[in-house]
N, C-alpha and C. Protein backbone atom coordinates (compact mmCIF):
# COMPACT_ATOMS: atom_id res chain seq x y z
N MET A 1 -7.65 -17.15 16.52
CA MET A 1 -6.84 -18.53 17.17
C MET A 1 -6.07 -18.36 15.73
N ALA A 2 -6.22 -18.06 14.29
CA ALA A 2 -6.19 -17.52 13.48
C ALA A 2 -4.75 -16.78 13.23
N TYR A 3 -5.60 -15.87 13.50
CA TYR A 3 -5.03 -13.74 14.34
C TYR A 3 -3.91 -14.31 14.32
N LEU A 4 -4.15 -15.41 16.08
CA LEU A 4 -2.80 -15.23 16.39
C LEU A 4 -1.65 -15.87 16.68
N LEU A 5 -1.76 -17.23 15.01
CA LEU A 5 -0.86 -17.64 14.61
C LEU A 5 -0.22 -17.09 13.58
N GLY A 6 -0.98 -15.71 13.11
CA GLY A 6 0.09 -15.02 12.21
C GLY A 6 0.74 -13.61 13.06
N ASP A 7 0.26 -14.02 14.01
CA ASP A 7 1.26 -12.81 14.55
C ASP A 7 2.60 -13.23 15.37
N ILE A 8 2.55 -14.65 15.50
CA ILE A 8 3.87 -15.15 15.67
C ILE A 8 5.10 -14.62 14.66
N PRO A 9 5.93 -13.53 15.15
CA PRO A 9 6.64 -13.17 14.15
C PRO A 9 7.71 -13.87 14.17
N PHE A 10 8.38 -15.74 12.83
CA PHE A 10 9.01 -15.73 13.09
C PHE A 10 10.43 -15.03 12.56
N GLY A 11 10.19 -14.19 11.51
CA GLY A 11 11.52 -13.44 10.81
C GLY A 11 12.71 -12.63 11.74
N TYR A 12 11.37 -12.26 12.64
CA TYR A 12 11.89 -11.13 13.31
C TYR A 12 12.63 -12.12 14.68
N LEU A 13 11.95 -13.39 14.97
CA LEU A 13 12.47 -14.03 16.21
C LEU A 13 13.85 -14.76 15.95
N LEU A 14 13.86 -15.41 14.69
CA LEU A 14 14.87 -16.65 14.25
C LEU A 14 16.10 -14.80 14.20
N VAL A 15 16.50 -14.27 13.86
CA VAL A 15 17.09 -12.84 13.68
C VAL A 15 17.41 -12.72 14.87
N LYS A 16 16.26 -11.99 15.96
CA LYS A 16 16.99 -11.75 17.49
C LYS A 16 17.82 -12.76 17.47
N LEU A 17 17.26 -14.14 17.48
CA LEU A 17 18.08 -15.15 18.08
C LEU A 17 19.54 -15.03 18.18
N THR A 18 19.31 -15.43 16.31
CA THR A 18 20.76 -15.66 16.00
C THR A 18 21.30 -14.65 15.84
N THR A 19 21.38 -13.44 16.10
CA THR A 19 22.31 -12.44 15.87
C THR A 19 22.05 -11.30 16.69
N GLY A 20 20.56 -11.19 17.35
CA GLY A 20 20.94 -10.11 18.25
C GLY A 20 19.98 -8.70 17.45
N ARG A 21 20.67 -9.04 16.23
CA ARG A 21 19.84 -8.09 16.07
C ARG A 21 18.32 -7.67 15.33
N ASP A 22 17.50 -6.85 15.10
CA ASP A 22 16.03 -6.14 14.59
C ASP A 22 16.09 -5.99 12.76
N VAL A 23 15.73 -7.03 12.90
CA VAL A 23 15.38 -7.14 11.24
C VAL A 23 14.20 -6.23 10.68
N ARG A 24 13.51 -5.33 11.20
CA ARG A 24 12.93 -4.31 10.77
C ARG A 24 14.29 -3.06 10.90
N ALA A 25 15.15 -2.94 11.49
CA ALA A 25 16.13 -2.16 10.90
C ALA A 25 17.20 -2.20 10.13
N SER A 26 16.99 -3.43 8.90
CA SER A 26 17.81 -3.57 7.81
C SER A 26 17.28 -3.98 6.66
N GLY A 27 17.90 -3.95 5.65
CA GLY A 27 16.93 -3.93 3.88
C GLY A 27 15.79 -2.82 4.16
N SER A 28 14.42 -4.04 3.78
CA SER A 28 13.43 -3.24 3.86
C SER A 28 12.23 -2.80 4.62
N GLY A 29 13.24 -3.65 6.02
CA GLY A 29 11.86 -3.06 7.50
C GLY A 29 11.78 -4.09 7.72
N ASN A 30 11.09 -5.44 6.65
CA ASN A 30 10.10 -6.13 6.77
C ASN A 30 10.86 -7.35 7.74
N ILE A 31 9.90 -8.15 8.12
CA ILE A 31 10.12 -9.18 8.94
C ILE A 31 10.01 -10.40 7.96
N GLY A 32 9.53 -10.03 6.73
CA GLY A 32 9.86 -11.28 5.91
C GLY A 32 10.89 -12.24 5.61
N ALA A 33 10.21 -13.64 4.96
CA ALA A 33 11.48 -14.95 4.51
C ALA A 33 12.44 -13.53 3.74
N THR A 34 12.13 -13.19 2.48
CA THR A 34 13.08 -12.41 1.27
C THR A 34 14.22 -11.07 2.62
N ASN A 35 13.09 -10.41 3.32
CA ASN A 35 14.15 -9.36 3.62
C ASN A 35 15.19 -10.53 4.42
N VAL A 36 15.05 -11.32 5.68
CA VAL A 36 15.45 -12.39 6.23
C VAL A 36 16.23 -13.04 5.44
N LEU A 37 16.42 -13.27 3.91
CA LEU A 37 17.29 -13.81 3.48
C LEU A 37 18.43 -12.85 3.16
N ARG A 38 17.76 -11.98 2.66
CA ARG A 38 18.44 -10.29 2.33
C ARG A 38 19.70 -9.84 3.07
N THR A 39 18.61 -9.54 4.50
CA THR A 39 19.47 -9.19 5.22
C THR A 39 20.39 -9.98 6.53
N THR A 40 20.41 -11.60 6.38
CA THR A 40 20.59 -12.70 6.85
C THR A 40 21.28 -14.04 6.54
N GLY A 41 20.65 -14.45 5.46
CA GLY A 41 21.70 -15.15 5.23
C GLY A 41 20.38 -16.48 4.77
N ARG A 42 20.70 -17.05 4.65
CA ARG A 42 20.15 -18.87 3.71
C ARG A 42 18.84 -19.16 4.25
N ALA A 43 20.21 -19.85 5.45
CA ALA A 43 19.35 -20.40 6.58
C ALA A 43 18.71 -19.68 7.37
N ALA A 44 18.64 -18.84 7.45
CA ALA A 44 17.98 -18.02 8.44
C ALA A 44 16.73 -17.35 7.69
N GLY A 45 16.69 -17.03 6.23
CA GLY A 45 15.09 -17.18 5.24
C GLY A 45 14.87 -18.29 4.84
N VAL A 46 15.30 -19.11 4.49
CA VAL A 46 14.16 -20.68 4.34
C VAL A 46 14.01 -21.05 5.21
N ALA A 47 14.48 -21.16 6.75
CA ALA A 47 14.15 -20.94 8.08
C ALA A 47 12.46 -20.57 8.21
N THR A 48 12.56 -18.89 8.01
CA THR A 48 11.56 -18.19 8.26
C THR A 48 9.95 -18.29 7.40
N LEU A 49 10.77 -18.55 5.52
CA LEU A 49 9.63 -19.23 4.78
C LEU A 49 8.97 -20.11 4.98
N LEU A 50 9.64 -21.12 5.87
CA LEU A 50 9.45 -22.26 6.01
C LEU A 50 8.13 -22.44 6.88
N LEU A 51 9.00 -21.38 8.56
CA LEU A 51 7.78 -21.69 9.26
C LEU A 51 6.22 -21.16 9.27
N ASP A 52 6.59 -19.40 7.75
CA ASP A 52 5.77 -18.78 7.98
C ASP A 52 4.33 -19.36 7.04
N ILE A 53 4.75 -20.42 6.25
CA ILE A 53 4.12 -20.69 5.37
C ILE A 53 3.49 -22.03 6.48
N GLY A 54 4.65 -23.03 7.40
CA GLY A 54 3.54 -23.40 8.49
C GLY A 54 2.57 -23.15 9.19
N LYS A 55 2.68 -21.92 9.28
CA LYS A 55 2.01 -21.13 10.45
C LYS A 55 -0.03 -20.63 9.74
N GLY A 56 0.75 -19.86 8.55
CA GLY A 56 -0.87 -20.73 7.31
C GLY A 56 -1.80 -21.93 6.84
N TYR A 57 -0.73 -22.42 6.87
CA TYR A 57 -1.16 -23.64 7.17
C TYR A 57 -2.22 -24.42 8.41
N LEU A 58 -1.12 -24.17 8.99
CA LEU A 58 -1.97 -25.08 10.72
C LEU A 58 -3.45 -24.04 10.70
N ALA A 59 -3.29 -22.38 10.37
CA ALA A 59 -4.14 -22.00 10.98
C ALA A 59 -5.72 -22.75 10.42
N VAL A 60 -5.37 -22.87 9.10
CA VAL A 60 -6.37 -23.05 8.33
C VAL A 60 -6.69 -24.54 8.72
N TRP A 61 -5.69 -25.71 8.63
CA TRP A 61 -6.00 -26.74 8.69
C TRP A 61 -6.81 -26.77 10.29
N LEU A 62 -6.34 -26.08 11.32
CA LEU A 62 -7.06 -26.33 12.69
C LEU A 62 -8.28 -25.83 13.10
N GLU A 63 -8.90 -24.81 11.67
CA GLU A 63 -9.88 -24.42 11.65
C GLU A 63 -10.97 -25.59 10.75
N GLY A 64 -10.46 -25.78 10.00
CA GLY A 64 -11.17 -27.22 9.13
C GLY A 64 -11.46 -28.45 9.86
N ARG A 65 -10.50 -28.32 10.81
CA ARG A 65 -10.89 -29.51 11.69
C ARG A 65 -11.95 -28.61 12.95
N LEU A 66 -12.13 -27.76 13.28
CA LEU A 66 -12.87 -27.23 14.59
C LEU A 66 -13.89 -27.10 13.90
N THR A 67 -13.95 -26.97 12.80
CA THR A 67 -15.38 -26.69 11.98
C THR A 67 -16.53 -28.22 10.65
N GLY A 68 -15.84 -28.96 11.08
CA GLY A 68 -15.88 -30.27 9.99
C GLY A 68 -15.87 -29.38 8.46
N GLY A 69 -14.38 -29.11 8.72
CA GLY A 69 -14.09 -28.67 6.92
C GLY A 69 -14.80 -27.39 6.42
N ASN A 70 -15.67 -26.61 7.19
CA ASN A 70 -16.38 -25.68 6.76
C ASN A 70 -15.81 -24.58 5.81
N SER A 71 -15.60 -24.77 4.70
CA SER A 71 -14.57 -23.40 3.53
C SER A 71 -14.84 -22.11 4.28
N ALA A 72 -15.61 -21.64 4.58
CA ALA A 72 -16.71 -20.14 4.49
C ALA A 72 -15.43 -19.97 5.80
N TRP A 73 -15.22 -20.69 6.80
CA TRP A 73 -14.51 -20.12 8.01
C TRP A 73 -13.49 -20.66 7.79
N MET A 74 -12.80 -21.83 6.65
CA MET A 74 -11.26 -22.31 6.46
C MET A 74 -10.81 -20.53 5.51
N GLY A 75 -11.56 -20.22 5.18
CA GLY A 75 -11.63 -18.96 4.06
C GLY A 75 -11.44 -17.81 5.20
N ALA A 76 -11.84 -17.71 6.10
CA ALA A 76 -11.73 -16.46 6.87
C ALA A 76 -10.49 -16.88 7.72
N ALA A 77 -10.45 -18.34 7.97
CA ALA A 77 -8.95 -18.42 9.16
C ALA A 77 -7.65 -17.97 7.90
N ALA A 78 -7.29 -18.48 6.51
CA ALA A 78 -6.51 -17.59 6.16
C ALA A 78 -6.59 -16.29 6.11
N LEU A 79 -8.08 -15.55 5.89
CA LEU A 79 -7.86 -13.94 5.70
C LEU A 79 -7.16 -13.58 7.25
N ALA A 80 -7.45 -14.40 8.32
CA ALA A 80 -6.53 -13.91 9.42
C ALA A 80 -5.18 -14.12 9.97
N VAL A 81 -5.12 -15.21 9.22
CA VAL A 81 -3.42 -15.61 9.40
C VAL A 81 -2.87 -14.35 8.71
N MET A 82 -3.33 -14.34 7.56
CA MET A 82 -2.69 -13.26 6.82
C MET A 82 -2.66 -11.94 7.24
N ILE A 83 -3.20 -11.71 8.12
CA ILE A 83 -4.00 -10.23 9.02
C ILE A 83 -2.81 -9.73 10.24
N GLY A 84 -2.63 -11.43 10.37
CA GLY A 84 -2.03 -11.33 12.28
C GLY A 84 -0.37 -11.32 11.59
N HIS A 85 -0.17 -12.01 10.32
CA HIS A 85 1.56 -11.86 9.83
C HIS A 85 1.67 -10.46 9.45
N SER A 86 0.67 -9.16 8.67
CA SER A 86 1.00 -8.57 8.49
C SER A 86 0.28 -7.39 9.03
N TYR A 87 0.51 -7.70 10.40
CA TYR A 87 -0.28 -6.36 11.59
C TYR A 87 0.06 -6.87 13.73
N PRO A 88 1.35 -7.92 13.06
CA PRO A 88 0.99 -8.15 14.57
C PRO A 88 1.35 -7.42 15.99
N ALA A 89 0.19 -8.11 16.38
CA ALA A 89 0.20 -6.80 17.85
C ALA A 89 1.39 -7.42 18.97
N LEU A 90 2.38 -8.19 18.51
CA LEU A 90 3.70 -8.27 19.17
C LEU A 90 4.60 -7.81 18.64
N LEU A 91 4.76 -6.95 17.94
CA LEU A 91 5.20 -6.10 17.02
C LEU A 91 4.95 -4.59 16.67
N ARG A 92 3.55 -4.19 17.50
CA ARG A 92 3.12 -3.20 17.63
C ARG A 92 2.96 -2.86 15.85
N PHE A 93 2.56 -4.15 14.95
CA PHE A 93 1.20 -4.17 14.38
C PHE A 93 2.47 -3.70 13.05
N ARG A 94 3.57 -3.59 13.27
CA ARG A 94 4.09 -3.87 12.33
C ARG A 94 4.52 -5.19 11.68
N GLY A 95 4.35 -5.71 10.53
CA GLY A 95 4.61 -7.14 10.07
C GLY A 95 5.09 -7.20 8.80
N GLY A 96 4.71 -8.32 8.61
CA GLY A 96 5.27 -8.67 7.04
C GLY A 96 3.95 -8.93 6.11
N LYS A 97 4.76 -8.72 4.28
CA LYS A 97 3.65 -8.78 3.59
C LYS A 97 3.02 -9.97 3.88
N ALA A 98 2.62 -10.94 4.27
CA ALA A 98 2.01 -11.99 4.44
C ALA A 98 2.15 -12.71 3.61
N VAL A 99 2.67 -13.07 2.35
CA VAL A 99 3.28 -13.43 0.75
C VAL A 99 3.23 -15.53 1.14
N ALA A 100 4.38 -15.87 2.42
CA ALA A 100 4.44 -17.13 3.04
C ALA A 100 2.84 -17.50 3.68
N ALA A 101 1.97 -16.96 4.68
CA ALA A 101 1.66 -17.05 5.29
C ALA A 101 0.17 -17.78 4.41
N PHE A 102 0.32 -16.54 3.30
CA PHE A 102 -0.98 -16.76 2.00
C PHE A 102 -0.70 -18.20 1.55
N VAL A 103 0.65 -18.66 1.34
CA VAL A 103 1.09 -19.79 0.97
C VAL A 103 0.53 -20.79 1.51
N GLY A 104 0.76 -20.59 2.81
CA GLY A 104 0.38 -22.27 3.83
C GLY A 104 -1.16 -22.04 3.75
N ALA A 105 -1.58 -21.10 3.91
CA ALA A 105 -3.38 -20.56 3.83
C ALA A 105 -3.89 -21.69 2.63
N TYR A 106 -3.43 -21.16 1.63
CA TYR A 106 -3.88 -21.53 0.33
C TYR A 106 -3.64 -23.12 0.01
N LEU A 107 -2.70 -23.30 0.39
CA LEU A 107 -1.77 -24.82 0.26
C LEU A 107 -3.00 -25.97 0.86
N CYS A 108 -3.73 -25.59 2.01
CA CYS A 108 -4.19 -25.87 2.50
C CYS A 108 -5.66 -26.16 1.93
N LEU A 109 -6.20 -24.83 1.79
CA LEU A 109 -7.51 -24.57 1.50
C LEU A 109 -7.68 -24.93 0.30
N ALA A 110 -6.67 -24.07 -0.66
CA ALA A 110 -6.46 -24.46 -2.14
C ALA A 110 -5.78 -24.77 -3.19
N PRO A 111 -5.17 -25.84 -2.60
CA PRO A 111 -3.87 -26.44 -3.96
C PRO A 111 -3.54 -26.04 -4.51
N LEU A 112 -4.69 -26.39 -6.22
CA LEU A 112 -4.23 -26.18 -7.10
C LEU A 112 -4.26 -25.53 -7.43
N PRO A 113 -5.12 -24.60 -7.48
CA PRO A 113 -4.74 -22.86 -8.13
C PRO A 113 -4.36 -22.01 -7.13
N LEU A 114 -2.63 -22.17 -5.82
CA LEU A 114 -2.07 -22.49 -5.33
C LEU A 114 -1.15 -22.15 -6.29
N ALA A 115 -0.86 -23.18 -6.74
CA ALA A 115 0.16 -24.86 -8.00
C ALA A 115 0.49 -23.44 -8.93
N ALA A 116 -0.51 -23.24 -9.58
CA ALA A 116 -1.14 -22.50 -10.64
C ALA A 116 -0.54 -20.84 -10.85
N VAL A 117 -0.96 -20.07 -9.65
CA VAL A 117 -0.56 -19.01 -9.43
C VAL A 117 1.57 -19.29 -9.02
N LEU A 118 1.89 -20.18 -8.14
CA LEU A 118 3.53 -20.74 -7.82
C LEU A 118 4.02 -20.31 -9.13
N VAL A 119 3.05 -21.14 -10.20
CA VAL A 119 3.58 -21.17 -11.64
C VAL A 119 4.26 -19.67 -12.02
N VAL A 120 3.03 -18.51 -12.19
CA VAL A 120 3.44 -17.25 -12.65
C VAL A 120 3.89 -16.64 -11.56
N PHE A 121 4.32 -16.59 -10.32
CA PHE A 121 5.23 -15.69 -8.92
C PHE A 121 6.27 -16.30 -9.96
N VAL A 122 6.93 -17.69 -10.55
CA VAL A 122 8.27 -17.91 -10.77
C VAL A 122 8.93 -17.59 -11.67
N ALA A 123 7.44 -17.66 -13.00
CA ALA A 123 7.92 -17.36 -13.94
C ALA A 123 7.80 -15.32 -14.12
N MET A 124 6.96 -14.99 -13.13
CA MET A 124 7.26 -13.36 -13.59
C MET A 124 8.50 -12.91 -12.68
N THR A 125 9.10 -13.80 -11.27
CA THR A 125 10.24 -13.42 -10.88
C THR A 125 11.47 -13.73 -11.17
N ALA A 126 11.32 -14.68 -12.35
CA ALA A 126 12.41 -15.03 -13.56
C ALA A 126 12.19 -14.08 -14.16
N TRP A 127 11.58 -13.80 -14.75
CA TRP A 127 11.07 -12.94 -16.08
C TRP A 127 12.13 -11.05 -15.01
N THR A 128 11.62 -10.88 -14.28
CA THR A 128 11.45 -9.00 -13.80
C THR A 128 12.79 -9.23 -12.78
N GLY A 129 12.98 -10.58 -12.18
CA GLY A 129 14.38 -10.08 -11.61
C GLY A 129 13.14 -9.47 -9.81
N HIS A 130 12.20 -9.57 -9.74
CA HIS A 130 11.54 -8.23 -8.72
C HIS A 130 10.81 -9.26 -8.25
N ILE A 131 10.94 -10.34 -6.98
CA ILE A 131 10.47 -10.96 -6.24
C ILE A 131 9.00 -10.31 -5.40
N SER A 132 8.39 -9.25 -5.68
CA SER A 132 7.68 -8.17 -5.45
C SER A 132 6.82 -8.36 -6.39
N LEU A 133 7.35 -8.11 -7.58
CA LEU A 133 6.16 -8.35 -8.84
C LEU A 133 5.93 -9.45 -8.85
N GLY A 134 6.75 -10.68 -8.30
CA GLY A 134 6.08 -11.94 -8.66
C GLY A 134 5.25 -12.13 -7.63
N SER A 135 5.35 -11.65 -6.71
CA SER A 135 4.35 -11.89 -5.39
C SER A 135 2.80 -11.40 -5.95
N MET A 136 3.06 -9.76 -6.24
CA MET A 136 1.71 -9.07 -6.62
C MET A 136 1.25 -8.97 -7.46
N VAL A 137 1.47 -10.75 -8.61
CA VAL A 137 1.30 -10.52 -10.02
C VAL A 137 0.23 -11.93 -9.43
N ALA A 138 1.22 -12.86 -8.64
CA ALA A 138 0.66 -13.55 -8.70
C ALA A 138 -0.89 -13.97 -7.56
N ALA A 139 -0.33 -12.83 -6.71
CA ALA A 139 -1.50 -12.47 -5.55
C ALA A 139 -2.52 -12.09 -6.16
N ALA A 140 -2.64 -11.53 -7.79
CA ALA A 140 -3.64 -10.62 -7.92
C ALA A 140 -4.60 -11.76 -9.29
N THR A 141 -3.91 -12.84 -9.79
CA THR A 141 -4.35 -13.79 -10.80
C THR A 141 -5.25 -14.65 -9.56
N PHE A 142 -4.46 -15.19 -8.67
CA PHE A 142 -5.57 -15.94 -7.71
C PHE A 142 -7.07 -15.97 -7.47
N PRO A 143 -7.79 -15.45 -7.04
CA PRO A 143 -8.92 -14.98 -7.18
C PRO A 143 -9.49 -16.12 -8.62
N LEU A 144 -9.17 -15.36 -9.48
CA LEU A 144 -9.37 -16.20 -10.89
C LEU A 144 -8.78 -17.30 -11.49
N ALA A 145 -7.55 -17.56 -10.70
CA ALA A 145 -7.62 -19.17 -10.69
C ALA A 145 -8.25 -19.66 -10.20
N ILE A 146 -8.83 -19.54 -8.42
CA ILE A 146 -9.58 -20.49 -7.42
C ILE A 146 -10.46 -20.47 -8.05
N TRP A 147 -11.61 -19.58 -9.10
CA TRP A 147 -12.42 -19.42 -9.71
C TRP A 147 -12.95 -20.35 -10.59
N LEU A 148 -12.31 -20.75 -11.29
CA LEU A 148 -11.80 -21.21 -13.01
C LEU A 148 -10.89 -22.95 -12.18
N ILE A 149 -10.65 -22.99 -11.52
CA ILE A 149 -10.06 -24.42 -11.10
C ILE A 149 -11.67 -25.32 -10.32
N GLU A 150 -11.47 -24.02 -9.09
CA GLU A 150 -12.37 -25.16 -8.01
C GLU A 150 -13.76 -24.89 -7.83
N HIS A 151 -14.26 -23.87 -8.84
CA HIS A 151 -15.49 -23.61 -8.37
C HIS A 151 -16.28 -23.40 -6.96
N PRO A 152 -15.83 -22.77 -6.13
CA PRO A 152 -16.05 -22.63 -4.65
C PRO A 152 -16.91 -21.94 -4.34
N PRO A 153 -17.59 -22.33 -3.58
CA PRO A 153 -18.47 -21.29 -2.88
C PRO A 153 -17.67 -19.83 -3.11
N ALA A 154 -19.07 -18.59 -3.08
CA ALA A 154 -18.62 -17.59 -3.06
C ALA A 154 -17.98 -16.90 -2.10
N THR A 155 -18.25 -17.43 -0.85
CA THR A 155 -17.93 -17.37 0.55
C THR A 155 -16.07 -16.96 -0.06
N VAL A 156 -15.62 -17.96 -0.42
CA VAL A 156 -13.85 -18.72 -0.81
C VAL A 156 -13.26 -17.56 -1.76
N VAL A 157 -14.17 -17.28 -3.50
CA VAL A 157 -13.94 -16.96 -4.03
C VAL A 157 -13.75 -15.23 -3.34
N VAL A 158 -14.65 -14.38 -2.74
CA VAL A 158 -14.49 -13.47 -1.89
C VAL A 158 -12.98 -13.13 -0.96
N THR A 159 -13.01 -14.70 -0.51
CA THR A 159 -11.88 -14.28 0.19
C THR A 159 -10.03 -14.48 0.03
N ALA A 160 -10.82 -15.27 -1.09
CA ALA A 160 -9.18 -15.23 -1.85
C ALA A 160 -9.13 -13.68 -2.78
N ILE A 161 -9.86 -12.28 -2.91
CA ILE A 161 -10.41 -11.40 -3.93
C ILE A 161 -9.98 -10.76 -2.30
N LEU A 162 -10.23 -10.63 -0.89
CA LEU A 162 -9.62 -10.09 -0.25
C LEU A 162 -8.09 -10.33 0.73
N SER A 163 -7.88 -11.98 0.13
CA SER A 163 -6.40 -12.00 0.41
C SER A 163 -5.34 -11.29 -0.65
N GLY A 164 -5.75 -12.02 -1.76
CA GLY A 164 -4.58 -10.94 -2.90
C GLY A 164 -5.26 -9.76 -2.54
N ALA A 165 -6.20 -9.20 -2.46
CA ALA A 165 -6.15 -7.59 -2.26
C ALA A 165 -5.12 -6.97 -1.18
N LEU A 166 -5.20 -7.89 -0.14
CA LEU A 166 -4.08 -7.54 1.02
C LEU A 166 -2.84 -7.59 0.54
N ILE A 167 -2.33 -8.27 -0.30
CA ILE A 167 -0.79 -8.42 -0.81
C ILE A 167 -0.10 -7.67 -1.22
N VAL A 168 -1.57 -7.06 -2.76
CA VAL A 168 -1.33 -5.71 -3.25
C VAL A 168 -0.59 -4.88 -2.63
N TYR A 169 -1.91 -4.56 -1.51
CA TYR A 169 -1.78 -3.59 -0.47
C TYR A 169 -0.70 -3.45 0.60
N ARG A 170 0.19 -4.52 0.51
CA ARG A 170 0.78 -4.58 1.84
C ARG A 170 2.67 -4.51 0.94
N HIS A 171 2.27 -4.66 -0.21
CA HIS A 171 3.12 -4.38 -1.51
C HIS A 171 3.53 -2.91 -2.21
N ARG A 172 2.14 -1.87 -1.38
CA ARG A 172 2.29 -0.56 -2.38
C ARG A 172 4.24 0.34 -2.05
N GLU A 173 4.96 -0.09 -0.76
CA GLU A 173 5.89 0.88 -1.28
C GLU A 173 6.63 0.23 -2.20
N ASN A 174 6.69 -0.95 -2.81
CA ASN A 174 7.51 -1.82 -3.82
C ASN A 174 7.22 -1.02 -4.56
N ILE A 175 5.95 -0.98 -5.09
CA ILE A 175 5.19 -0.03 -6.00
C ILE A 175 6.14 1.21 -6.45
N VAL A 176 5.58 1.48 -4.97
CA VAL A 176 6.60 2.92 -5.73
C VAL A 176 8.26 3.12 -6.24
N ARG A 177 8.89 1.99 -5.45
CA ARG A 177 10.15 1.51 -6.21
C ARG A 177 10.27 0.93 -7.25
N LEU A 178 9.30 0.16 -8.06
CA LEU A 178 9.05 -0.35 -8.60
C LEU A 178 9.04 0.75 -10.02
N HIS A 179 8.41 1.75 -9.89
CA HIS A 179 8.09 2.82 -10.27
C HIS A 179 9.26 3.80 -11.14
N ALA A 180 9.74 4.12 -9.78
CA ALA A 180 11.05 4.64 -9.60
C ALA A 180 12.21 3.79 -9.97
N GLY A 181 12.15 2.50 -10.30
CA GLY A 181 13.34 1.89 -11.07
C GLY A 181 14.59 1.51 -9.80
N THR A 182 13.94 1.48 -8.23
CA THR A 182 15.22 1.26 -7.76
C THR A 182 14.83 -0.08 -6.79
N GLU A 183 13.59 -0.46 -7.00
CA GLU A 183 13.21 -1.96 -5.98
C GLU A 183 14.58 -2.60 -6.15
N SER A 184 14.99 -3.45 -5.06
CA SER A 184 16.31 -4.61 -5.40
C SER A 184 15.83 -5.39 -6.32
N VAL A 185 17.30 -6.02 -6.54
CA VAL A 185 16.56 -6.98 -7.99
C VAL A 185 17.02 -8.35 -7.08
N PHE A 186 16.13 -9.59 -7.18
CA PHE A 186 16.98 -10.58 -6.12
C PHE A 186 17.58 -11.74 -7.41
N SER A 187 18.56 -12.23 -6.23
CA SER A 187 19.82 -12.86 -7.45
C SER A 187 20.14 -13.97 -6.09
N PHE A 188 20.14 -14.82 -6.19
CA PHE A 188 20.68 -16.01 -5.87
C PHE A 188 22.45 -15.88 -4.90
N GLY A 189 23.40 -15.11 -5.92
CA GLY A 189 24.43 -15.64 -5.42
C GLY A 189 24.94 -14.39 -4.59
N SER A 190 24.25 -13.43 -4.42
CA SER A 190 24.52 -12.10 -3.31
C SER A 190 24.26 -12.34 -2.42
N HIS A 191 23.98 -13.50 -1.47
CA HIS A 191 23.43 -13.62 -0.27
C HIS A 191 24.17 -14.58 0.62
N LYS A 192 24.07 -14.33 1.23
CA LYS A 192 25.79 -15.25 2.58
C LYS A 192 25.20 -16.38 2.53
């Protein structure tokens, strides 16, 4: 169920419905909020971000309701919704980087550690101008944050490690561009 929620490609659908274009043919080729923002404008980018966060939250919340709040199953749902977003069957497994789904999932499962790494994300993005670098550093530090702040069961820590690893893995092309100095710099002033 969590995978199927993650499979809903909100960025793709919003761009297709509002412009008739395939967002994967523009910018980074990604269906996520950053590419939608860069290629289609603020309204579509913000809507994509909120919907992707919402599906992450809903997947974990529903799993919690179905399992009586079992943190291991909720952690599995967090990972499954991220995988669904990254590898959606509806788009031939060509999806996004799962950052917004990650935010929504862990907003439900571990809000305090998430808040801590969101500070890391904002600081890194502001310092470097690269959303991708902020996302990767935040995702990489999340397992440590969840372990230090919540001391959850080992299954939740493992899920956090796998979630962070998935985000870093999905950013492998960004890593190449960062190394080459060709990664896009984020600026609010340049968007529609």
